[in-house]
Amino acid sequence: MNSNRGMIKWQPFSAVVPGSYIVNKIINNKRKIKKPELSEEQLKEIEKLVLISYSNKEPFHFCYFYNGQELIKYGFIKDINSVTKKILLSDGTLLFFNQIVSIKT
């Protein structure tokens, strides 16, 4: 009995995997959205809520923009760097203030 026949029989399926990767990449690119523009007042309000959450050690629920998508995160702020405007969350996520789109208290 020839054991190579089984491998030859399934070889076409290995060609489909790279094609599905490309299709998924195209779909993800079509789903990308433009970052919402926030006013100075909205940015100051977000900054204020972040600082309050940090000083009170309270968790907060916020929406941030990354790679053409709005993502939702819930967590505690571990550290804030006011010079670079970076926020370090307790799970190790690093964000910039300008990535945050909205905060829910």
Protein backbone atom coordinates (compact mmCIF):
# COMPACT_ATOMS: atom_id res chain seq x y z
CA MET A 1 0.00 0.00 0.00
CA ASN A 2 1.32 3.44 -0.94
CA SER A 3 1.34 5.87 2.03
CA ASN A 4 2.22 8.88 -0.17
CA ARG A 5 -1.21 8.86 -1.79
CA GLY A 6 -2.76 10.34 1.35
CA MET A 7 -0.39 13.29 1.32
CA ILE A 8 -0.93 13.95 -2.39
CA LYS A 9 -4.67 13.80 -1.90
CA TRP A 10 -4.64 16.61 0.73
CA GLN A 11 -2.09 18.96 -0.84
CA PRO A 12 -4.68 21.30 -2.48
CA PHE A 13 -5.99 22.28 0.96
CA SER A 14 -2.64 23.76 1.94
CA ALA A 15 -3.01 26.24 -0.92
CA VAL A 16 -6.29 27.55 0.52
CA VAL A 17 -4.78 28.77 3.81
CA PRO A 18 -2.77 31.72 2.37
CA GLY A 19 -5.81 32.70 0.31
CA SER A 20 -8.02 32.84 3.39
CA TYR A 21 -5.43 35.02 5.13
CA ILE A 22 -5.57 37.53 2.27
CA VAL A 23 -9.38 37.51 2.25
CA ASN A 24 -9.47 38.12 6.02
CA LYS A 25 -6.98 40.98 5.63
CA ILE A 26 -9.17 42.61 2.95
CA ILE A 27 -12.27 42.26 5.13
CA ASN A 28 -10.47 43.79 8.12
CA ASN A 29 -9.26 46.72 5.98
CA LYS A 30 -12.83 47.38 4.82
CA ARG A 31 -14.03 47.43 8.44
CA LYS A 32 -11.57 50.14 9.42
CA ILE A 33 -13.11 53.45 10.40
CA LYS A 34 -11.79 56.96 10.63
CA LYS A 35 -10.84 58.20 14.09
CA PRO A 36 -13.52 60.52 15.50
CA GLU A 37 -12.49 64.13 15.92
CA LEU A 38 -12.82 65.37 19.51
CA SER A 39 -13.12 68.98 20.58
CA GLU A 40 -10.73 70.55 23.09
CA GLU A 41 -13.51 70.44 25.68
CA GLN A 42 -14.05 66.70 25.15
CA LEU A 43 -10.31 66.04 25.41
CA LYS A 44 -10.08 67.98 28.67
CA GLU A 45 -13.07 66.09 30.06
CA ILE A 46 -11.45 62.74 29.18
CA GLU A 47 -8.18 63.84 30.77
CA LYS A 48 -10.02 64.92 33.91
CA LEU A 49 -11.90 61.61 34.20
CA VAL A 50 -8.68 59.62 33.69
CA LEU A 51 -6.93 61.58 36.45
CA ILE A 52 -9.90 61.16 38.82
CA SER A 53 -9.99 57.42 38.15
CA TYR A 54 -6.25 57.17 38.75
CA SER A 55 -6.22 59.18 41.98
CA ASN A 56 -9.27 57.33 43.42
CA LYS A 57 -7.91 53.95 42.24
CA GLU A 58 -11.28 53.20 40.65
CA PRO A 59 -11.75 51.03 37.57
CA PHE A 60 -13.03 52.74 34.47
CA HIS A 61 -14.70 51.70 31.24
CA PHE A 62 -13.50 53.43 28.11
CA CYS A 63 -13.46 53.26 24.37
CA TYR A 64 -10.18 53.80 22.53
CA PHE A 65 -9.09 53.93 18.91
CA TYR A 66 -6.47 51.52 17.59
CA ASN A 67 -5.62 50.41 14.05
CA GLY A 68 -8.84 51.66 12.46
CA GLN A 69 -11.11 50.22 15.14
CA GLU A 70 -12.83 51.43 18.28
CA LEU A 71 -12.06 49.00 21.07
CA ILE A 72 -13.58 48.83 24.55
CA LYS A 73 -11.52 48.26 27.69
CA TYR A 74 -12.30 48.03 31.39
CA GLY A 75 -9.56 48.28 33.97
CA PHE A 76 -7.48 50.12 36.51
CA ILE A 77 -4.83 52.71 35.74
CA LYS A 78 -1.45 51.63 37.09
CA ASP A 79 0.58 54.66 36.03
CA ILE A 80 0.30 57.90 34.08
CA ASN A 81 3.20 59.68 32.39
CA SER A 82 2.08 63.29 31.99
CA VAL A 83 5.11 64.24 29.85
CA THR A 84 4.57 61.61 27.15
CA LYS A 85 0.80 61.42 27.83
CA LYS A 86 0.93 57.63 28.23
CA ILE A 87 -1.36 55.54 30.41
CA LEU A 88 -0.30 52.15 31.74
CA LEU A 89 -3.17 49.87 32.71
CA SER A 90 -3.02 47.12 35.33
CA ASP A 91 -3.08 44.42 32.62
CA GLY A 92 0.03 45.90 30.97
CA THR A 93 -1.77 47.73 28.14
CA LEU A 94 -0.07 51.00 27.17
CA LEU A 95 -2.23 53.77 25.69
CA PHE A 96 -1.81 57.38 24.75
CA PHE A 97 -4.33 60.00 25.89
CA ASN A 98 -5.14 60.82 22.26
CA GLN A 99 -6.24 57.20 21.61
CA ILE A 100 -9.12 57.47 24.10
CA VAL A 101 -12.38 58.38 22.42
CA SER A 102 -14.84 58.20 25.32
CA ILE A 103 -15.08 57.19 28.97
CA LYS A 104 -18.04 55.71 30.77
CA THR A 105 -18.12 56.16 34.52
